[in-house]
Amino acid sequence: MVDLHKTDPNTALRLFCNLPKVRLLVCGGDGTVAWVLQVLEELTEVDPKPPVGILPLGTGNDLA
Protein backbone atom coordinates (compact mmCIF):
# COMPACT_ATOMS: atom_id res chain seq x y z
CA MET A 1 0.00 0.00 0.00
CA VAL A 2 1.23 3.49 -0.86
CA ASP A 3 -0.11 6.61 0.83
CA LEU A 4 0.05 9.44 -1.71
CA HIS A 5 0.26 11.93 1.18
CA LYS A 6 3.70 10.49 1.93
CA THR A 7 4.96 9.18 -1.43
CA ASP A 8 4.32 10.63 -4.87
CA PRO A 9 2.90 8.22 -7.49
CA ASN A 10 5.99 8.51 -9.69
CA THR A 11 8.21 7.01 -6.99
CA ALA A 12 5.68 4.34 -6.03
CA LEU A 13 5.04 3.23 -9.62
CA ARG A 14 8.76 3.00 -10.33
CA LEU A 15 9.17 0.76 -7.28
CA PHE A 16 6.33 -1.65 -7.95
CA CYS A 17 5.46 -1.69 -11.67
CA ASN A 18 8.26 -4.08 -12.60
CA LEU A 19 6.94 -6.80 -10.32
CA PRO A 20 5.33 -9.73 -12.11
CA LYS A 21 1.52 -9.69 -12.24
CA VAL A 22 1.28 -6.31 -10.47
CA ARG A 23 -2.14 -4.66 -10.37
CA LEU A 24 -3.02 -1.16 -9.20
CA LEU A 25 -5.97 -0.11 -7.08
CA VAL A 26 -6.42 3.66 -6.96
CA CYS A 27 -8.63 4.80 -4.09
CA GLY A 28 -9.76 8.41 -4.23
CA GLY A 29 -11.59 10.98 -6.24
CA ASP A 30 -11.33 12.09 -9.83
CA GLY A 31 -8.20 14.12 -9.15
CA THR A 32 -6.32 11.28 -7.49
CA VAL A 33 -7.26 8.80 -10.22
CA ALA A 34 -6.29 11.24 -12.98
CA TRP A 35 -3.00 12.00 -11.20
CA VAL A 36 -1.99 8.34 -10.94
CA LEU A 37 -3.08 7.49 -14.50
CA GLN A 38 -1.20 10.48 -15.91
CA VAL A 39 2.00 9.51 -14.10
CA LEU A 40 1.59 5.90 -15.24
CA GLU A 41 1.21 7.03 -18.85
CA GLU A 42 4.34 9.19 -18.61
CA LEU A 43 6.49 6.27 -17.40
CA THR A 44 7.69 4.97 -20.74
CA GLU A 45 9.88 2.31 -19.10
CA VAL A 46 6.75 0.56 -17.75
CA ASP A 47 5.55 -1.64 -20.59
CA PRO A 48 3.06 -3.23 -20.62
CA LYS A 49 1.02 -1.00 -18.35
CA PRO A 50 -0.52 -2.87 -15.40
CA PRO A 51 -4.29 -3.17 -14.98
CA VAL A 52 -5.80 -0.40 -12.86
CA GLY A 53 -8.86 -0.72 -10.63
CA ILE A 54 -10.63 2.33 -9.25
CA LEU A 55 -12.32 2.61 -5.86
CA PRO A 56 -14.21 5.94 -5.88
CA LEU A 57 -13.85 7.75 -2.55
CA GLY A 58 -14.14 11.38 -3.66
CA THR A 59 -16.81 13.80 -2.53
CA GLY A 60 -18.38 14.16 -5.97
CA ASN A 61 -17.86 10.60 -7.19
CA ASP A 62 -18.22 11.76 -10.79
CA LEU A 63 -16.20 8.76 -11.93
CA ALA A 64 -18.48 6.31 -10.12
Foldseek 3Di string as FASTA:
>chain_A
DDDCVVPPLLVVCVVPLVDPLDEEEFEEAPVSVVRNVVSQVVPPVRPPRHHYHYHYDYPVPPVD
